[in-house]
Amino acid sequence: LRAHVRECLQWYAELSEDDHCLRPKVRADAE
């Protein structure tokens, strides 16, 4: 299980960088 979770973390990092992963727009600096 621990080794599998480690592998899942790699997939999670990969999918989080996917262009299709929804992310809120970064708010512009007020200044």
PDB file of all heavy atoms in Angstrom:
ATOM      1  N   LEU A   1       0.817  -1.215   0.000  1.00  0.00           N
ATOM      2  CA  LEU A   1       0.000   0.000   0.000  1.00  0.00           C
ATOM      3  C   LEU A   1       0.847   1.260   0.000  1.00  0.00           C
ATOM      4  O   LEU A   1       0.565   2.210  -0.747  1.00  0.00           O
ATOM      5  CB  LEU A   1      -0.948  -0.008   1.204  1.00  0.00           C
ATOM      6  CG  LEU A   1      -2.060   1.041   1.181  1.00  0.00           C
ATOM      7  CD1 LEU A   1      -2.930   0.891  -0.064  1.00  0.00           C
ATOM      8  CD2 LEU A   1      -2.933   0.934   2.436  1.00  0.00           C
ATOM      9  N   ARG A   2       1.914   1.296   0.819  1.00  0.00           N
ATOM     10  CA  ARG A   2       2.733   2.510   0.867  1.00  0.00           C
ATOM     11  C   ARG A   2       3.407   2.768  -0.475  1.00  0.00           C
ATOM     12  O   ARG A   2       3.432   3.904  -0.960  1.00  0.00           O
ATOM     13  CB  ARG A   2       3.779   2.417   1.973  1.00  0.00           C
ATOM     14  CG  ARG A   2       4.560   3.735   2.139  1.00  0.00           C
ATOM     15  CD  ARG A   2       5.711   3.577   3.113  1.00  0.00           C
ATOM     16  NE  ARG A   2       5.249   3.177   4.441  1.00  0.00           N
ATOM     17  CZ  ARG A   2       6.078   2.895   5.449  1.00  0.00           C
ATOM     18  NH1 ARG A   2       7.394   2.941   5.262  1.00  0.00           N
ATOM     19  NH2 ARG A   2       5.585   2.524   6.631  1.00  0.00           N
ATOM     20  N   ALA A   3       3.933   1.718  -1.075  1.00  0.00           N
ATOM     21  CA  ALA A   3       4.576   1.877  -2.382  1.00  0.00           C
ATOM     22  C   ALA A   3       3.571   2.346  -3.424  1.00  0.00           C
ATOM     23  O   ALA A   3       3.896   3.161  -4.304  1.00  0.00           O
ATOM     24  CB  ALA A   3       5.220   0.558  -2.812  1.00  0.00           C
ATOM     25  N   HIS A   4       2.347   1.854  -3.326  1.00  0.00           N
ATOM     26  CA  HIS A   4       1.319   2.257  -4.283  1.00  0.00           C
ATOM     27  C   HIS A   4       0.947   3.726  -4.090  1.00  0.00           C
ATOM     28  O   HIS A   4       0.786   4.460  -5.073  1.00  0.00           O
ATOM     29  CB  HIS A   4       0.091   1.378  -4.122  1.00  0.00           C
ATOM     30  CG  HIS A   4      -1.036   1.751  -5.035  1.00  0.00           C
ATOM     31  ND1 HIS A   4      -0.983   1.617  -6.403  1.00  0.00           N
ATOM     32  CD2 HIS A   4      -2.266   2.294  -4.765  1.00  0.00           C
ATOM     33  CE1 HIS A   4      -2.113   2.041  -6.945  1.00  0.00           C
ATOM     34  NE2 HIS A   4      -2.898   2.459  -5.975  1.00  0.00           N
ATOM     35  N   VAL A   5       0.801   4.159  -2.851  1.00  0.00           N
ATOM     36  CA  VAL A   5       0.475   5.568  -2.599  1.00  0.00           C
ATOM     37  C   VAL A   5       1.585   6.458  -3.135  1.00  0.00           C
ATOM     38  O   VAL A   5       1.323   7.528  -3.696  1.00  0.00           O
ATOM     39  CB  VAL A   5       0.236   5.814  -1.090  1.00  0.00           C
ATOM     40  CG1 VAL A   5       0.058   7.304  -0.815  1.00  0.00           C
ATOM     41  CG2 VAL A   5      -1.000   5.050  -0.610  1.00  0.00           C
ATOM     42  N   ARG A   6       2.836   6.009  -3.008  1.00  0.00           N
ATOM     43  CA  ARG A   6       3.958   6.781  -3.565  1.00  0.00           C
ATOM     44  C   ARG A   6       3.812   6.911  -5.082  1.00  0.00           C
ATOM     45  O   ARG A   6       4.017   7.998  -5.652  1.00  0.00           O
ATOM     46  CB  ARG A   6       5.279   6.094  -3.214  1.00  0.00           C
ATOM     47  CG  ARG A   6       6.510   6.867  -3.712  1.00  0.00           C
ATOM     48  CD  ARG A   6       7.814   6.173  -3.347  1.00  0.00           C
ATOM     49  NE  ARG A   6       8.054   6.225  -1.907  1.00  0.00           N
ATOM     50  CZ  ARG A   6       7.976   5.182  -1.089  1.00  0.00           C
ATOM     51  NH1 ARG A   6       7.680   3.973  -1.580  1.00  0.00           N
ATOM     52  NH2 ARG A   6       8.206   5.313   0.196  1.00  0.00           N
ATOM     53  N   GLU A   7       3.424   5.834  -5.733  1.00  0.00           N
ATOM     54  CA  GLU A   7       3.203   5.875  -7.185  1.00  0.00           C
ATOM     55  C   GLU A   7       2.026   6.786  -7.523  1.00  0.00           C
ATOM     56  O   GLU A   7       2.078   7.561  -8.499  1.00  0.00           O
ATOM     57  CB  GLU A   7       2.952   4.469  -7.706  1.00  0.00           C
ATOM     58  CG  GLU A   7       2.803   4.383  -9.212  1.00  0.00           C
ATOM     59  CD  GLU A   7       2.613   2.957  -9.705  1.00  0.00           C
ATOM     60  OE1 GLU A   7       2.043   2.122  -8.961  1.00  0.00           O
ATOM     61  OE2 GLU A   7       3.031   2.669 -10.842  1.00  0.00           O
ATOM     62  N   CYS A   8       0.972   6.714  -6.723  1.00  0.00           N
ATOM     63  CA  CYS A   8      -0.200   7.568  -6.943  1.00  0.00           C
ATOM     64  C   CYS A   8       0.159   9.044  -6.835  1.00  0.00           C
ATOM     65  O   CYS A   8      -0.383   9.883  -7.566  1.00  0.00           O
ATOM     66  CB  CYS A   8      -1.293   7.230  -5.931  1.00  0.00           C
ATOM     67  SG  CYS A   8      -2.027   5.595  -6.131  1.00  0.00           S
ATOM     68  N   LEU A   9       1.071   9.371  -5.920  1.00  0.00           N
ATOM     69  CA  LEU A   9       1.501  10.762  -5.785  1.00  0.00           C
ATOM     70  C   LEU A   9       2.171  11.266  -7.056  1.00  0.00           C
ATOM     71  O   LEU A   9       2.014  12.437  -7.425  1.00  0.00           O
ATOM     72  CB  LEU A   9       2.447  10.906  -4.594  1.00  0.00           C
ATOM     73  CG  LEU A   9       1.786  10.935  -3.215  1.00  0.00           C
ATOM     74  CD1 LEU A   9       2.835  10.798  -2.118  1.00  0.00           C
ATOM     75  CD2 LEU A   9       0.987  12.220  -3.032  1.00  0.00           C
ATOM     76  N   GLN A  10       2.876  10.391  -7.753  1.00  0.00           N
ATOM     77  CA  GLN A  10       3.483  10.778  -9.027  1.00  0.00           C
ATOM     78  C   GLN A  10       2.395  11.049 -10.065  1.00  0.00           C
ATOM     79  O   GLN A  10       2.478  12.024 -10.824  1.00  0.00           O
ATOM     80  CB  GLN A  10       4.430   9.681  -9.506  1.00  0.00           C
ATOM     81  CG  GLN A  10       5.617   9.450  -8.587  1.00  0.00           C
ATOM     82  CD  GLN A  10       6.465   8.255  -8.998  1.00  0.00           C
ATOM     83  OE1 GLN A  10       6.119   7.510  -9.923  1.00  0.00           O
ATOM     84  NE2 GLN A  10       7.572   8.058  -8.322  1.00  0.00           N
ATOM     85  N   TRP A  11       1.376  10.186 -10.108  1.00  0.00           N
ATOM     86  CA  TRP A  11       0.265  10.409 -11.037  1.00  0.00           C
ATOM     87  C   TRP A  11      -0.483  11.688 -10.686  1.00  0.00           C
ATOM     88  O   TRP A  11      -0.887  12.452 -11.579  1.00  0.00           O
ATOM     89  CB  TRP A  11      -0.679   9.210 -11.003  1.00  0.00           C
ATOM     90  CG  TRP A  11      -0.101   7.960 -11.568  1.00  0.00           C
ATOM     91  CD1 TRP A  11       0.861   7.848 -12.529  1.00  0.00           C
ATOM     92  CD2 TRP A  11      -0.446   6.614 -11.192  1.00  0.00           C
ATOM     93  NE1 TRP A  11       1.121   6.519 -12.786  1.00  0.00           N
ATOM     94  CE2 TRP A  11       0.345   5.747 -11.989  1.00  0.00           C
ATOM     95  CE3 TRP A  11      -1.351   6.062 -10.286  1.00  0.00           C
ATOM     96  CZ2 TRP A  11       0.252   4.357 -11.892  1.00  0.00           C
ATOM     97  CZ3 TRP A  11      -1.445   4.672 -10.184  1.00  0.00           C
ATOM     98  CH2 TRP A  11      -0.645   3.835 -10.972  1.00  0.00           C
ATOM     99  N   TYR A  12      -0.669  11.921  -9.387  1.00  0.00           N
ATOM    100  CA  TYR A  12      -1.375  13.121  -8.930  1.00  0.00           C
ATOM    101  C   TYR A  12      -0.634  14.380  -9.373  1.00  0.00           C
ATOM    102  O   TYR A  12      -1.243  15.337  -9.874  1.00  0.00           O
ATOM    103  CB  TYR A  12      -1.512  13.073  -7.413  1.00  0.00           C
ATOM    104  CG  TYR A  12      -2.170  14.279  -6.776  1.00  0.00           C
ATOM    105  CD1 TYR A  12      -3.442  14.702  -7.167  1.00  0.00           C
ATOM    106  CD2 TYR A  12      -1.528  14.991  -5.764  1.00  0.00           C
ATOM    107  CE1 TYR A  12      -4.051  15.802  -6.561  1.00  0.00           C
ATOM    108  CE2 TYR A  12      -2.122  16.078  -5.156  1.00  0.00           C
ATOM    109  CZ  TYR A  12      -3.383  16.486  -5.559  1.00  0.00           C
ATOM    110  OH  TYR A  12      -3.984  17.561  -4.960  1.00  0.00           O
ATOM    111  N   ALA A  13       0.688  14.379  -9.226  1.00  0.00           N
ATOM    112  CA  ALA A  13       1.486  15.526  -9.655  1.00  0.00           C
ATOM    113  C   ALA A  13       1.369  15.725 -11.164  1.00  0.00           C
ATOM    114  O   ALA A  13       1.237  16.854 -11.654  1.00  0.00           O
ATOM    115  CB  ALA A  13       2.946  15.324  -9.245  1.00  0.00           C
ATOM    116  N   GLU A  14       1.399  14.628 -11.900  1.00  0.00           N
ATOM    117  CA  GLU A  14       1.285  14.703 -13.362  1.00  0.00           C
ATOM    118  C   GLU A  14      -0.072  15.264 -13.779  1.00  0.00           C
ATOM    119  O   GLU A  14      -0.159  16.164 -14.626  1.00  0.00           O
ATOM    120  CB  GLU A  14       1.478  13.303 -13.946  1.00  0.00           C
ATOM    121  CG  GLU A  14       1.255  13.200 -15.438  1.00  0.00           C
ATOM    122  CD  GLU A  14       1.258  11.764 -15.934  1.00  0.00           C
ATOM    123  OE1 GLU A  14       1.944  10.917 -15.322  1.00  0.00           O
ATOM    124  OE2 GLU A  14       0.568  11.476 -16.934  1.00  0.00           O
ATOM    125  N   LEU A  15      -1.143  14.741 -13.193  1.00  0.00           N
ATOM    126  CA  LEU A  15      -2.485  15.177 -13.577  1.00  0.00           C
ATOM    127  C   LEU A  15      -2.763  16.608 -13.120  1.00  0.00           C
ATOM    128  O   LEU A  15      -3.515  17.339 -13.770  1.00  0.00           O
ATOM    129  CB  LEU A  15      -3.528  14.220 -12.990  1.00  0.00           C
ATOM    130  CG  LEU A  15      -3.483  12.789 -13.541  1.00  0.00           C
ATOM    131  CD1 LEU A  15      -4.509  11.910 -12.836  1.00  0.00           C
ATOM    132  CD2 LEU A  15      -3.722  12.777 -15.042  1.00  0.00           C
ATOM    133  N   SER A  16      -2.148  17.008 -12.017  1.00  0.00           N
ATOM    134  CA  SER A  16      -2.338  18.384 -11.538  1.00  0.00           C
ATOM    135  C   SER A  16      -1.735  19.398 -12.494  1.00  0.00           C
ATOM    136  O   SER A  16      -2.141  20.560 -12.514  1.00  0.00           O
ATOM    137  CB  SER A  16      -1.719  18.548 -10.142  1.00  0.00           C
ATOM    138  OG  SER A  16      -2.391  17.745  -9.191  1.00  0.00           O
ATOM    139  N   GLU A  17      -0.743  18.960 -13.290  1.00  0.00           N
ATOM    140  CA  GLU A  17      -0.109  19.839 -14.281  1.00  0.00           C
ATOM    141  C   GLU A  17      -0.753  19.717 -15.658  1.00  0.00           C
ATOM    142  O   GLU A  17      -0.345  20.418 -16.591  1.00  0.00           O
ATOM    143  CB  GLU A  17       1.384  19.519 -14.379  1.00  0.00           C
ATOM    144  CG  GLU A  17       2.167  19.844 -13.110  1.00  0.00           C
ATOM    145  CD  GLU A  17       2.090  21.318 -12.750  1.00  0.00           C
ATOM    146  OE1 GLU A  17       2.186  22.150 -13.684  1.00  0.00           O
ATOM    147  OE2 GLU A  17       1.923  21.637 -11.569  1.00  0.00           O
ATOM    148  N   ASP A  18      -1.737  18.827 -15.787  1.00  0.00           N
ATOM    149  CA  ASP A  18      -2.434  18.649 -17.055  1.00  0.00           C
ATOM    150  C   ASP A  18      -3.125  19.952 -17.452  1.00  0.00           C
ATOM    151  O   ASP A  18      -3.710  20.655 -16.612  1.00  0.00           O
ATOM    152  CB  ASP A  18      -3.483  17.529 -16.885  1.00  0.00           C
ATOM    153  CG  ASP A  18      -4.112  17.094 -18.202  1.00  0.00           C
ATOM    154  OD1 ASP A  18      -4.689  17.950 -18.907  1.00  0.00           O
ATOM    155  OD2 ASP A  18      -4.073  15.890 -18.506  1.00  0.00           O
ATOM    156  N   ASP A  19      -3.060  20.282 -18.718  1.00  0.00           N
ATOM    157  CA  ASP A  19      -3.695  21.516 -19.199  1.00  0.00           C
ATOM    158  C   ASP A  19      -5.206  21.508 -18.991  1.00  0.00           C
ATOM    159  O   ASP A  19      -5.841  22.573 -19.015  1.00  0.00           O
ATOM    160  CB  ASP A  19      -3.398  21.719 -20.687  1.00  0.00           C
ATOM    161  CG  ASP A  19      -1.943  22.081 -20.948  1.00  0.00           C
ATOM    162  OD1 ASP A  19      -1.264  22.520 -20.001  1.00  0.00           O
ATOM    163  OD2 ASP A  19      -1.489  21.902 -22.099  1.00  0.00           O
ATOM    164  N   HIS A  20      -5.781  20.301 -18.808  1.00  0.00           N
ATOM    165  CA  HIS A  20      -7.224  20.197 -18.609  1.00  0.00           C
ATOM    166  C   HIS A  20      -7.619  20.250 -17.140  1.00  0.00           C
ATOM    167  O   HIS A  20      -8.800  20.116 -16.815  1.00  0.00           O
ATOM    168  CB  HIS A  20      -7.744  18.893 -19.216  1.00  0.00           C
ATOM    169  CG  HIS A  20      -7.568  18.808 -20.699  1.00  0.00           C
ATOM    170  ND1 HIS A  20      -6.372  18.449 -21.283  1.00  0.00           N
ATOM    171  CD2 HIS A  20      -8.437  19.034 -21.722  1.00  0.00           C
ATOM    172  CE1 HIS A  20      -6.516  18.460 -22.598  1.00  0.00           C
ATOM    173  NE2 HIS A  20      -7.737  18.815 -22.888  1.00  0.00           N
ATOM    174  N   CYS A  21      -6.649  20.431 -16.253  1.00  0.00           N
ATOM    175  CA  CYS A  21      -6.949  20.521 -14.821  1.00  0.00           C
ATOM    176  C   CYS A  21      -7.446  21.928 -14.502  1.00  0.00           C
ATOM    177  O   CYS A  21      -6.779  22.922 -14.836  1.00  0.00           O
ATOM    178  CB  CYS A  21      -5.703  20.190 -13.992  1.00  0.00           C
ATOM    179  SG  CYS A  21      -6.016  20.018 -12.226  1.00  0.00           S
ATOM    180  N   LEU A  22      -8.595  22.010 -13.872  1.00  0.00           N
ATOM    181  CA  LEU A  22      -9.232  23.299 -13.623  1.00  0.00           C
ATOM    182  C   LEU A  22      -8.496  24.047 -12.516  1.00  0.00           C
ATOM    183  O   LEU A  22      -8.236  23.506 -11.446  1.00  0.00           O
ATOM    184  CB  LEU A  22     -10.694  23.110 -13.231  1.00  0.00           C
ATOM    185  CG  LEU A  22     -11.553  22.319 -14.229  1.00  0.00           C
ATOM    186  CD1 LEU A  22     -12.980  22.175 -13.703  1.00  0.00           C
ATOM    187  CD2 LEU A  22     -11.563  23.001 -15.598  1.00  0.00           C
ATOM    188  N   ARG A  23      -8.187  25.307 -12.785  1.00  0.00           N
ATOM    189  CA  ARG A  23      -7.500  26.148 -11.809  1.00  0.00           C
ATOM    190  C   ARG A  23      -8.108  27.539 -11.853  1.00  0.00           C
ATOM    191  O   ARG A  23      -8.341  28.083 -12.940  1.00  0.00           O
ATOM    192  CB  ARG A  23      -6.002  26.268 -12.122  1.00  0.00           C
ATOM    193  CG  ARG A  23      -5.261  24.946 -12.240  1.00  0.00           C
ATOM    194  CD  ARG A  23      -3.816  25.190 -12.633  1.00  0.00           C
ATOM    195  NE  ARG A  23      -3.115  23.950 -12.936  1.00  0.00           N
ATOM    196  CZ  ARG A  23      -3.122  23.352 -14.119  1.00  0.00           C
ATOM    197  NH1 ARG A  23      -3.815  23.890 -15.113  1.00  0.00           N
ATOM    198  NH2 ARG A  23      -2.449  22.224 -14.301  1.00  0.00           N
ATOM    199  N   PRO A  24      -8.332  28.142 -10.689  1.00  0.00           N
ATOM    200  CA  PRO A  24      -8.827  29.527 -10.705  1.00  0.00           C
ATOM    201  C   PRO A  24      -7.758  30.464 -11.235  1.00  0.00           C
ATOM    202  O   PRO A  24      -6.561  30.216 -11.070  1.00  0.00           O
ATOM    203  CB  PRO A  24      -9.134  29.806  -9.221  1.00  0.00           C
ATOM    204  CG  PRO A  24      -8.263  28.850  -8.470  1.00  0.00           C
ATOM    205  CD  PRO A  24      -8.144  27.617  -9.328  1.00  0.00           C
ATOM    206  N   LYS A  25      -8.184  31.491 -11.902  1.00  0.00           N
ATOM    207  CA  LYS A  25      -7.241  32.464 -12.433  1.00  0.00           C
ATOM    208  C   LYS A  25      -6.531  33.168 -11.269  1.00  0.00           C
ATOM    209  O   LYS A  25      -7.137  33.478 -10.245  1.00  0.00           O
ATOM    210  CB  LYS A  25      -7.962  33.490 -13.296  1.00  0.00           C
ATOM    211  CG  LYS A  25      -8.523  32.913 -14.584  1.00  0.00           C
ATOM    212  CD  LYS A  25      -9.201  34.002 -15.413  1.00  0.00           C
ATOM    213  CE  LYS A  25      -9.754  33.414 -16.710  1.00  0.00           C
ATOM    214  NZ  LYS A  25     -10.436  34.443 -17.539  1.00  0.00           N
ATOM    215  N   VAL A  26      -5.247  33.395 -11.450  1.00  0.00           N
ATOM    216  CA  VAL A  26      -4.486  34.098 -10.430  1.00  0.00           C
ATOM    217  C   VAL A  26      -4.904  35.552 -10.426  1.00  0.00           C
ATOM    218  O   VAL A  26      -4.926  36.225 -11.474  1.00  0.00           O
ATOM    219  CB  VAL A  26      -2.968  33.983 -10.705  1.00  0.00           C
ATOM    220  CG1 VAL A  26      -2.177  34.765  -9.661  1.00  0.00           C
ATOM    221  CG2 VAL A  26      -2.550  32.517 -10.722  1.00  0.00           C
ATOM    222  N   ARG A  27      -5.261  36.041  -9.240  1.00  0.00           N
ATOM    223  CA  ARG A  27      -5.690  37.428  -9.145  1.00  0.00           C
ATOM    224  C   ARG A  27      -4.495  38.373  -9.337  1.00  0.00           C
ATOM    225  O   ARG A  27      -3.431  38.157  -8.768  1.00  0.00           O
ATOM    226  CB  ARG A  27      -6.339  37.684  -7.789  1.00  0.00           C
ATOM    227  CG  ARG A  27      -7.695  36.959  -7.630  1.00  0.00           C
ATOM    228  CD  ARG A  27      -8.205  37.098  -6.237  1.00  0.00           C
ATOM    229  NE  ARG A  27      -9.518  36.499  -6.106  1.00  0.00           N
ATOM    230  CZ  ARG A  27      -9.955  35.886  -5.010  1.00  0.00           C
ATOM    231  NH1 ARG A  27      -9.171  35.789  -3.967  1.00  0.00           N
ATOM    232  NH2 ARG A  27     -11.168  35.381  -4.960  1.00  0.00           N
ATOM    233  N   ALA A  28      -4.712  39.382 -10.116  1.00  0.00           N
ATOM    234  CA  ALA A  28      -3.633  40.351 -10.358  1.00  0.00           C
ATOM    235  C   ALA A  28      -3.300  41.102  -9.089  1.00  0.00           C
ATOM    236  O   ALA A  28      -4.175  41.398  -8.269  1.00  0.00           O
ATOM    237  CB  ALA A  28      -4.052  41.325 -11.472  1.00  0.00           C
ATOM    238  N   ASP A  29      -2.044  41.428  -8.924  1.00  0.00           N
ATOM    239  CA  ASP A  29      -1.603  42.199  -7.761  1.00  0.00           C
ATOM    240  C   ASP A  29      -2.262  43.563  -7.803  1.00  0.00           C
ATOM    241  O   ASP A  29      -2.249  44.263  -8.826  1.00  0.00           O
ATOM    242  CB  ASP A  29      -0.078  42.329  -7.795  1.00  0.00           C
ATOM    243  CG  ASP A  29       0.460  42.853  -6.471  1.00  0.00           C
ATOM    244  OD1 ASP A  29      -0.059  43.855  -5.976  1.00  0.00           O
ATOM    245  OD2 ASP A  29       1.408  42.221  -5.949  1.00  0.00           O
ATOM    246  N   ALA A  30      -2.836  43.964  -6.701  1.00  0.00           N
ATOM    247  CA  ALA A  30      -3.553  45.245  -6.642  1.00  0.00           C
ATOM    248  C   ALA A  30      -2.643  46.403  -6.972  1.00  0.00           C
ATOM    249  O   ALA A  30      -3.090  47.460  -7.443  1.00  0.00           O
ATOM    250  CB  ALA A  30      -4.181  45.428  -5.253  1.00  0.00           C
ATOM    251  N   GLU A  31      -1.311  46.229  -6.735  1.00  0.00           N
ATOM    252  CA  GLU A  31      -0.397  47.336  -6.990  1.00  0.00           C
ATOM    253  C   GLU A  31       0.268  47.213  -8.362  1.00  0.00           C
ATOM    254  O   GLU A  31       1.189  47.936  -8.680  1.00  0.00           O
ATOM    255  CB  GLU A  31       0.674  47.379  -5.884  1.00  0.00           C
ATOM    256  CG  GLU A  31       0.072  47.642  -4.508  1.00  0.00           C
ATOM    257  CD  GLU A  31       1.139  47.735  -3.444  1.00  0.00           C
ATOM    258  OE1 GLU A  31       2.356  47.596  -3.789  1.00  0.00           O
ATOM    259  OE2 GLU A  31       0.801  47.957  -2.280  1.00  0.00           O
TER     260      GLU A  31
END
